[in-house]
């Protein structure tokens, strides 16, 4: 069975116009992804001239990339702002709790100070009563003997 396509010899490739070569090497026309006119390795140096559509598409893709980065940055800034607000609320709550704690600790300190003073007064009173109980009989005994 003869081949469907005959191979081109080097003269046919060299005699072809560059525009024909570029159109044959262009993969964009091929729908199934297989190009029957695949370029040999020696034709990879041929570059298509950038068209206006290619430039516009490139700029649009760059703009989309920049917009994505900016949207990401904006969302991060908004998240950071929300976190800062939460942190500020928590610090205000902590400050209020600290002032309540300070006031409560002062009340407790005064209460314990008065309790300590009462305890010392009671001990002093008991000591004086014990001394009186010991000294009064001794004094009365000495008065009877004299």
N, C-alpha and C. Protein backbone atom coordinates (compact mmCIF):
# COMPACT_ATOMS: atom_id res chain seq x y z
N UNK A 1 0.85 -1.17 0.00
CA UNK A 1 0.00 0.00 0.00
C UNK A 1 0.89 1.23 0.00
N UNK A 2 0.68 2.17 -0.90
CA UNK A 2 1.53 3.35 -0.98
C UNK A 2 1.20 4.32 0.16
N UNK A 3 2.16 5.09 0.60
CA UNK A 3 1.89 6.06 1.68
C UNK A 3 0.92 7.14 1.21
N UNK A 4 0.15 7.65 2.17
CA UNK A 4 -0.85 8.67 1.83
C UNK A 4 -0.18 9.98 1.42
N UNK A 5 0.90 10.28 2.06
CA UNK A 5 1.61 11.51 1.74
C UNK A 5 3.05 11.16 1.42
N UNK A 6 3.51 11.74 0.38
CA UNK A 6 4.91 11.48 0.03
C UNK A 6 5.78 12.48 0.77
N UNK A 7 6.93 12.05 1.15
CA UNK A 7 7.85 12.93 1.87
C UNK A 7 8.42 13.95 0.89
N UNK A 8 8.55 15.13 1.41
CA UNK A 8 9.13 16.19 0.60
C UNK A 8 10.63 16.09 0.67
N UNK A 9 11.24 16.34 -0.44
CA UNK A 9 12.69 16.38 -0.39
C UNK A 9 13.14 17.77 0.04
N UNK A 10 14.39 17.95 0.31
CA UNK A 10 14.93 19.20 0.80
C UNK A 10 14.69 20.35 -0.15
N UNK A 11 14.64 20.11 -1.47
CA UNK A 11 14.43 21.19 -2.44
C UNK A 11 13.03 21.77 -2.31
N UNK A 12 12.02 20.92 -2.07
CA UNK A 12 10.65 21.42 -1.94
C UNK A 12 10.53 22.32 -0.71
N UNK A 13 11.18 21.97 0.37
CA UNK A 13 11.12 22.79 1.58
C UNK A 13 11.80 24.13 1.35
N UNK A 14 12.91 24.09 0.70
CA UNK A 14 13.67 25.32 0.49
C UNK A 14 12.98 26.24 -0.50
N UNK A 15 12.23 25.68 -1.47
CA UNK A 15 11.58 26.51 -2.47
C UNK A 15 10.27 27.12 -1.95
N UNK A 16 9.75 26.63 -0.85
CA UNK A 16 8.49 27.16 -0.32
C UNK A 16 8.73 28.55 0.25
N UNK A 17 7.70 29.41 0.14
CA UNK A 17 7.79 30.76 0.69
C UNK A 17 7.70 30.69 2.22
N UNK A 18 8.32 31.64 2.90
CA UNK A 18 8.28 31.62 4.38
C UNK A 18 6.86 31.70 4.91
N UNK A 19 5.98 32.45 4.24
CA UNK A 19 4.61 32.55 4.72
C UNK A 19 3.89 31.22 4.62
N UNK A 20 4.19 30.46 3.54
CA UNK A 20 3.59 29.14 3.40
C UNK A 20 4.12 28.20 4.49
N UNK A 21 5.40 28.28 4.73
CA UNK A 21 5.97 27.45 5.79
C UNK A 21 5.34 27.78 7.13
N UNK A 22 5.19 29.06 7.43
CA UNK A 22 4.63 29.47 8.72
C UNK A 22 3.18 29.02 8.83
N UNK A 23 2.42 29.12 7.75
CA UNK A 23 1.02 28.69 7.82
C UNK A 23 0.91 27.19 7.98
N UNK A 24 1.81 26.45 7.38
CA UNK A 24 1.80 25.00 7.53
C UNK A 24 2.26 24.58 8.93
N UNK A 25 3.14 25.37 9.51
CA UNK A 25 3.66 25.03 10.83
C UNK A 25 2.76 25.51 11.95
N UNK A 26 1.81 26.37 11.63
CA UNK A 26 0.91 26.94 12.64
C UNK A 26 -0.02 25.83 13.14
N UNK A 27 -0.05 25.63 14.46
CA UNK A 27 -0.88 24.57 15.06
C UNK A 27 -2.29 25.04 15.37
N UNK A 28 -2.58 26.32 15.26
CA UNK A 28 -3.87 26.83 15.70
C UNK A 28 -5.03 26.35 14.82
N UNK A 29 -4.77 25.96 13.56
CA UNK A 29 -5.85 25.51 12.67
C UNK A 29 -6.29 24.09 13.00
N UNK A 30 -5.42 23.34 13.59
CA UNK A 30 -5.65 21.92 13.78
C UNK A 30 -6.59 21.70 14.97
N UNK A 31 -7.72 21.07 14.75
CA UNK A 31 -8.71 20.91 15.80
C UNK A 31 -8.43 19.71 16.69
N UNK A 32 -7.90 18.64 16.12
CA UNK A 32 -7.71 17.44 16.93
C UNK A 32 -6.35 17.42 17.61
N UNK A 33 -5.52 18.39 17.42
CA UNK A 33 -4.26 18.50 18.11
C UNK A 33 -3.12 17.81 17.40
N UNK A 34 -3.38 17.08 16.35
CA UNK A 34 -2.29 16.43 15.62
C UNK A 34 -2.13 17.15 14.29
N UNK A 35 -0.96 17.60 14.05
CA UNK A 35 -0.69 18.35 12.83
C UNK A 35 0.04 17.43 11.86
N UNK A 36 -0.57 17.22 10.73
CA UNK A 36 0.07 16.30 9.78
C UNK A 36 1.27 16.95 9.12
N UNK A 37 1.32 18.27 9.20
CA UNK A 37 2.47 18.98 8.64
C UNK A 37 3.38 19.44 9.78
N UNK A 38 3.75 18.54 10.65
CA UNK A 38 4.59 18.90 11.78
C UNK A 38 5.93 19.41 11.29
N UNK A 39 6.42 20.42 11.97
CA UNK A 39 7.66 21.06 11.53
C UNK A 39 8.85 20.21 11.92
N UNK A 40 9.76 20.04 11.00
CA UNK A 40 11.02 19.38 11.36
C UNK A 40 11.81 20.29 12.29
N UNK A 41 12.77 19.70 12.97
CA UNK A 41 13.55 20.45 13.94
C UNK A 41 14.28 21.64 13.32
N UNK A 42 14.61 21.57 12.08
CA UNK A 42 15.38 22.65 11.46
C UNK A 42 14.55 23.89 11.21
N UNK A 43 13.19 23.82 11.33
CA UNK A 43 12.35 25.00 11.07
C UNK A 43 11.88 25.68 12.35
N UNK A 44 12.38 25.28 13.50
CA UNK A 44 11.93 25.92 14.75
C UNK A 44 12.42 27.34 14.89
N UNK A 45 13.39 27.73 14.11
CA UNK A 45 13.91 29.10 14.21
C UNK A 45 12.99 30.11 13.55
N UNK A 46 12.00 29.67 12.77
CA UNK A 46 11.06 30.58 12.11
C UNK A 46 10.04 31.05 13.14
N UNK A 47 9.94 32.34 13.33
CA UNK A 47 9.02 32.90 14.31
C UNK A 47 7.98 33.71 13.56
N UNK A 48 6.77 33.61 14.07
CA UNK A 48 5.71 34.44 13.49
C UNK A 48 5.86 35.86 14.01
N UNK A 49 5.48 36.78 13.20
CA UNK A 49 5.50 38.17 13.62
C UNK A 49 4.34 38.38 14.59
N UNK A 50 4.59 39.01 15.73
CA UNK A 50 3.50 39.23 16.67
C UNK A 50 2.44 40.14 16.04
N UNK A 51 1.22 39.71 16.15
CA UNK A 51 0.13 40.50 15.60
C UNK A 51 -0.44 41.39 16.69
N UNK A 52 -1.33 42.27 16.29
CA UNK A 52 -1.96 43.18 17.23
C UNK A 52 -2.80 42.39 18.23
N UNK A 53 -3.45 41.31 17.74
CA UNK A 53 -4.28 40.49 18.64
C UNK A 53 -3.44 39.82 19.71
N UNK A 54 -2.24 39.34 19.32
CA UNK A 54 -1.36 38.71 20.30
C UNK A 54 -0.94 39.71 21.37
N UNK A 55 -0.60 40.91 20.96
CA UNK A 55 -0.19 41.94 21.91
C UNK A 55 -1.32 42.32 22.85
N UNK A 56 -2.51 42.47 22.29
CA UNK A 56 -3.67 42.82 23.11
C UNK A 56 -3.98 41.69 24.09
N UNK A 57 -3.92 40.47 23.60
CA UNK A 57 -4.20 39.32 24.47
C UNK A 57 -3.17 39.25 25.60
N UNK A 58 -1.92 39.52 25.26
CA UNK A 58 -0.87 39.50 26.28
C UNK A 58 -1.12 40.58 27.33
N UNK A 59 -1.45 41.78 26.88
CA UNK A 59 -1.72 42.88 27.81
C UNK A 59 -2.94 42.56 28.67
N UNK A 60 -3.97 41.97 28.04
CA UNK A 60 -5.17 41.62 28.81
C UNK A 60 -4.84 40.57 29.87
N UNK A 61 -4.02 39.59 29.51
CA UNK A 61 -3.67 38.57 30.49
C UNK A 61 -2.84 39.17 31.62
N UNK A 62 -1.96 40.11 31.29
CA UNK A 62 -1.18 40.78 32.34
C UNK A 62 -2.08 41.60 33.24
N UNK A 63 -3.07 42.27 32.63
CA UNK A 63 -4.01 43.07 33.42
C UNK A 63 -4.81 42.16 34.35
N UNK A 64 -5.25 41.01 33.84
CA UNK A 64 -5.99 40.06 34.69
C UNK A 64 -5.12 39.57 35.83
N UNK A 65 -3.85 39.31 35.55
CA UNK A 65 -2.93 38.87 36.61
C UNK A 65 -2.75 39.94 37.67
N UNK A 66 -2.56 41.19 37.22
CA UNK A 66 -2.39 42.30 38.16
C UNK A 66 -3.67 42.50 38.97
N UNK A 67 -4.82 42.40 38.31
CA UNK A 67 -6.09 42.56 39.02
C UNK A 67 -6.24 41.47 40.08
N UNK A 68 -5.87 40.25 39.75
CA UNK A 68 -5.94 39.16 40.72
C UNK A 68 -5.06 39.42 41.93
N UNK A 69 -3.84 39.89 41.66
CA UNK A 69 -2.92 40.19 42.76
C UNK A 69 -3.48 41.32 43.62
N UNK A 70 -4.00 42.36 42.98
CA UNK A 70 -4.56 43.49 43.72
C UNK A 70 -5.77 43.07 44.54
N UNK A 71 -6.65 42.26 43.96
CA UNK A 71 -7.81 41.77 44.72
C UNK A 71 -7.37 40.95 45.91
N UNK A 72 -6.35 40.14 45.72
CA UNK A 72 -5.81 39.35 46.82
C UNK A 72 -5.24 40.27 47.90
N UNK A 73 -4.50 41.30 47.49
CA UNK A 73 -3.93 42.25 48.45
C UNK A 73 -5.03 43.00 49.20
N UNK A 74 -6.06 43.40 48.49
CA UNK A 74 -7.16 44.13 49.13
C UNK A 74 -7.86 43.23 50.15
N UNK A 75 -8.09 41.97 49.79
CA UNK A 75 -8.74 41.06 50.75
C UNK A 75 -7.85 40.85 51.97
N UNK A 76 -6.53 40.78 51.76
CA UNK A 76 -5.63 40.64 52.90
C UNK A 76 -5.67 41.87 53.80
N UNK A 77 -5.72 43.06 53.18
CA UNK A 77 -5.79 44.30 53.97
C UNK A 77 -7.09 44.35 54.76
N UNK A 78 -8.20 43.95 54.14
CA UNK A 78 -9.48 43.94 54.85
C UNK A 78 -9.46 42.94 56.00
N UNK A 79 -8.88 41.76 55.77
CA UNK A 79 -8.76 40.77 56.84
C UNK A 79 -7.89 41.30 57.97
N UNK A 80 -6.82 41.98 57.59
CA UNK A 80 -5.92 42.55 58.61
C UNK A 80 -6.66 43.61 59.42
N UNK A 81 -7.46 44.45 58.73
CA UNK A 81 -8.23 45.47 59.44
C UNK A 81 -9.22 44.84 60.41
N UNK A 82 -9.87 43.76 59.99
CA UNK A 82 -10.81 43.08 60.88
C UNK A 82 -10.08 42.48 62.08
N UNK A 83 -8.92 41.92 61.83
CA UNK A 83 -8.15 41.35 62.93
C UNK A 83 -7.69 42.44 63.89
N UNK A 84 -7.31 43.60 63.35
CA UNK A 84 -6.90 44.71 64.21
C UNK A 84 -8.07 45.21 65.06
N UNK A 85 -9.26 45.27 64.47
CA UNK A 85 -10.43 45.69 65.23
C UNK A 85 -10.73 44.70 66.34
N UNK A 86 -10.63 43.41 66.04
CA UNK A 86 -10.85 42.38 67.07
C UNK A 86 -9.82 42.51 68.19
N UNK A 87 -8.58 42.76 67.80
CA UNK A 87 -7.51 42.92 68.79
C UNK A 87 -7.76 44.15 69.65
N UNK A 88 -8.23 45.23 69.04
CA UNK A 88 -8.52 46.44 69.80
C UNK A 88 -9.66 46.19 70.78
N UNK A 89 -10.72 45.50 70.35
CA UNK A 89 -11.83 45.17 71.24
C UNK A 89 -11.35 44.32 72.41
N UNK A 90 -10.52 43.35 72.12
CA UNK A 90 -10.02 42.47 73.18
C UNK A 90 -9.14 43.25 74.16
N UNK A 91 -8.34 44.18 73.66
CA UNK A 91 -7.48 44.96 74.56
C UNK A 91 -8.33 45.89 75.44
N UNK A 92 -9.41 46.44 74.89
CA UNK A 92 -10.30 47.27 75.70
C UNK A 92 -10.98 46.43 76.78
N UNK A 93 -11.42 45.23 76.43
CA UNK A 93 -12.01 44.33 77.42
C UNK A 93 -11.01 43.97 78.51
N UNK A 94 -9.78 43.73 78.10
CA UNK A 94 -8.73 43.39 79.06
C UNK A 94 -8.44 44.57 79.99
N UNK A 95 -8.45 45.78 79.43
CA UNK A 95 -8.21 46.97 80.25
C UNK A 95 -9.32 47.14 81.29
N UNK A 96 -10.57 46.93 80.87
CA UNK A 96 -11.69 47.04 81.78
C UNK A 96 -11.61 45.96 82.87
N UNK A 97 -11.25 44.75 82.47
CA UNK A 97 -11.10 43.67 83.45
C UNK A 97 -9.98 43.98 84.44
N UNK A 98 -8.91 44.57 83.96
CA UNK A 98 -7.79 44.93 84.83
C UNK A 98 -8.21 45.98 85.85
N UNK A 99 -9.00 46.96 85.42
CA UNK A 99 -9.44 48.00 86.37
C UNK A 99 -10.38 47.40 87.41
N UNK A 100 -11.26 46.48 87.01
CA UNK A 100 -12.14 45.80 87.97
C UNK A 100 -11.31 44.95 88.94
N UNK A 101 -10.32 44.29 88.43
CA UNK A 101 -9.45 43.47 89.28
C UNK A 101 -8.71 44.34 90.29
N UNK A 102 -8.20 45.49 89.83
CA UNK A 102 -7.47 46.41 90.70
C UNK A 102 -8.38 46.91 91.82
N UNK A 103 -9.61 47.30 91.48
CA UNK A 103 -10.54 47.79 92.49
C UNK A 103 -10.89 46.67 93.48
N UNK A 104 -11.14 45.49 92.98
CA UNK A 104 -11.46 44.36 93.86
C UNK A 104 -10.29 43.99 94.76
N UNK A 105 -9.09 44.06 94.24
CA UNK A 105 -7.93 43.72 95.06
C UNK A 105 -7.71 44.77 96.16
N UNK A 106 -7.99 46.03 95.87
CA UNK A 106 -7.87 47.07 96.91
C UNK A 106 -8.90 46.85 98.02
N UNK A 107 -10.14 46.53 97.62
CA UNK A 107 -11.17 46.24 98.62
C UNK A 107 -10.77 45.06 99.50
N UNK A 108 -10.26 44.02 98.87
CA UNK A 108 -9.84 42.83 99.62
C UNK A 108 -8.67 43.16 100.54
N UNK A 109 -7.74 43.99 100.06
CA UNK A 109 -6.60 44.38 100.89
C UNK A 109 -7.07 45.13 102.13
N UNK A 110 -7.99 46.07 101.95
CA UNK A 110 -8.52 46.83 103.10
C UNK A 110 -9.26 45.91 104.07
N UNK A 111 -10.05 45.00 103.50
CA UNK A 111 -10.80 44.07 104.33
C UNK A 111 -9.85 43.20 105.17
N UNK A 112 -8.81 42.67 104.54
CA UNK A 112 -7.86 41.84 105.25
C UNK A 112 -7.06 42.65 106.28
N UNK A 113 -6.76 43.93 105.97
CA UNK A 113 -6.06 44.78 106.92
C UNK A 113 -6.90 44.98 108.18
N UNK A 114 -8.19 45.29 108.00
CA UNK A 114 -9.08 45.47 109.16
C UNK A 114 -9.25 44.17 109.92
N UNK A 115 -9.30 43.07 109.23
CA UNK A 115 -9.42 41.77 109.90
C UNK A 115 -8.16 41.51 110.73
N UNK A 116 -7.01 41.86 110.18
CA UNK A 116 -5.75 41.68 110.90
C UNK A 116 -5.71 42.58 112.15
N UNK A 117 -6.16 43.84 111.99
CA UNK A 117 -6.18 44.78 113.13
C UNK A 117 -7.11 44.26 114.21
N UNK A 118 -8.30 43.78 113.85
CA UNK A 118 -9.25 43.22 114.83
C UNK A 118 -8.64 42.01 115.56
N UNK A 119 -7.95 41.16 114.79
CA UNK A 119 -7.34 39.98 115.39
C UNK A 119 -6.28 40.40 116.41
N UNK A 120 -5.46 41.39 116.07
CA UNK A 120 -4.43 41.86 117.00
C UNK A 120 -5.05 42.49 118.24
N UNK A 121 -6.14 43.26 118.06
CA UNK A 121 -6.83 43.87 119.21
C UNK A 121 -7.42 42.78 120.12
N UNK A 122 -8.00 41.76 119.53
CA UNK A 122 -8.58 40.66 120.32
C UNK A 122 -7.47 39.94 121.08
N UNK A 123 -6.34 39.68 120.42
CA UNK A 123 -5.21 39.03 121.11
C UNK A 123 -4.70 39.90 122.25
N UNK A 124 -4.58 41.19 122.00
CA UNK A 124 -4.13 42.11 123.06
C UNK A 124 -5.13 42.11 124.22
N UNK A 125 -6.43 42.12 123.93
CA UNK A 125 -7.45 42.10 124.98
C UNK A 125 -7.36 40.81 125.79
N UNK A 126 -7.21 39.69 125.10
CA UNK A 126 -7.11 38.39 125.79
C UNK A 126 -5.84 38.37 126.66
N UNK A 127 -4.74 38.89 126.17
CA UNK A 127 -3.49 38.93 126.92
C UNK A 127 -3.66 39.78 128.17
N UNK A 128 -4.31 40.93 128.03
CA UNK A 128 -4.54 41.81 129.18
C UNK A 128 -5.45 41.12 130.19
N UNK A 129 -6.49 40.44 129.74
CA UNK A 129 -7.40 39.73 130.64
C UNK A 129 -6.63 38.64 131.38
N UNK A 130 -5.78 37.90 130.68
CA UNK A 130 -5.00 36.85 131.33
C UNK A 130 -4.05 37.46 132.36
N UNK A 131 -3.43 38.57 132.03
CA UNK A 131 -2.55 39.24 132.99
C UNK A 131 -3.33 39.71 134.21
N UNK A 132 -4.49 40.25 133.98
CA UNK A 132 -5.32 40.70 135.10
C UNK A 132 -5.71 39.51 135.98
N UNK A 133 -6.06 38.41 135.36
CA UNK A 133 -6.45 37.21 136.12
C UNK A 133 -5.26 36.71 136.95
N UNK A 134 -4.07 36.82 136.44
CA UNK A 134 -2.89 36.35 137.16
C UNK A 134 -2.46 37.38 138.21
N UNK A 135 -2.46 38.62 137.88
CA UNK A 135 -1.94 39.67 138.77
C UNK A 135 -2.92 39.98 139.91
N UNK A 136 -4.20 40.03 139.66
CA UNK A 136 -5.19 40.39 140.71
C UNK A 136 -5.11 39.41 141.89
N UNK A 137 -5.09 38.10 141.70
CA UNK A 137 -4.99 37.23 142.89
C UNK A 137 -3.66 37.42 143.66
N UNK A 138 -2.59 37.67 142.91
CA UNK A 138 -1.31 37.87 143.57
C UNK A 138 -1.36 39.15 144.41
N UNK A 139 -1.91 40.20 143.89
CA UNK A 139 -2.01 41.48 144.61
C UNK A 139 -2.93 41.32 145.83
N UNK A 140 -4.03 40.65 145.68
CA UNK A 140 -4.96 40.44 146.79
C UNK A 140 -4.32 39.57 147.88
N UNK A 141 -3.55 38.61 147.52
CA UNK A 141 -2.86 37.74 148.44
C UNK A 141 -1.82 38.54 149.21
N UNK A 142 -1.11 39.43 148.52
CA UNK A 142 -0.11 40.28 149.19
C UNK A 142 -0.77 41.29 150.10
N UNK A 143 -1.92 41.78 149.82
CA UNK A 143 -2.65 42.73 150.66
C UNK A 143 -3.13 42.03 151.93
N UNK A 144 -3.55 40.79 151.83
CA UNK A 144 -4.00 40.06 153.00
C UNK A 144 -2.82 39.74 153.90
N UNK A 145 -1.70 39.51 153.42
CA UNK A 145 -0.53 39.19 154.20
C UNK A 145 0.07 40.48 154.81
N UNK A 146 -0.15 41.56 154.34
CA UNK A 146 0.43 42.75 154.90
C UNK A 146 -0.40 43.39 155.90
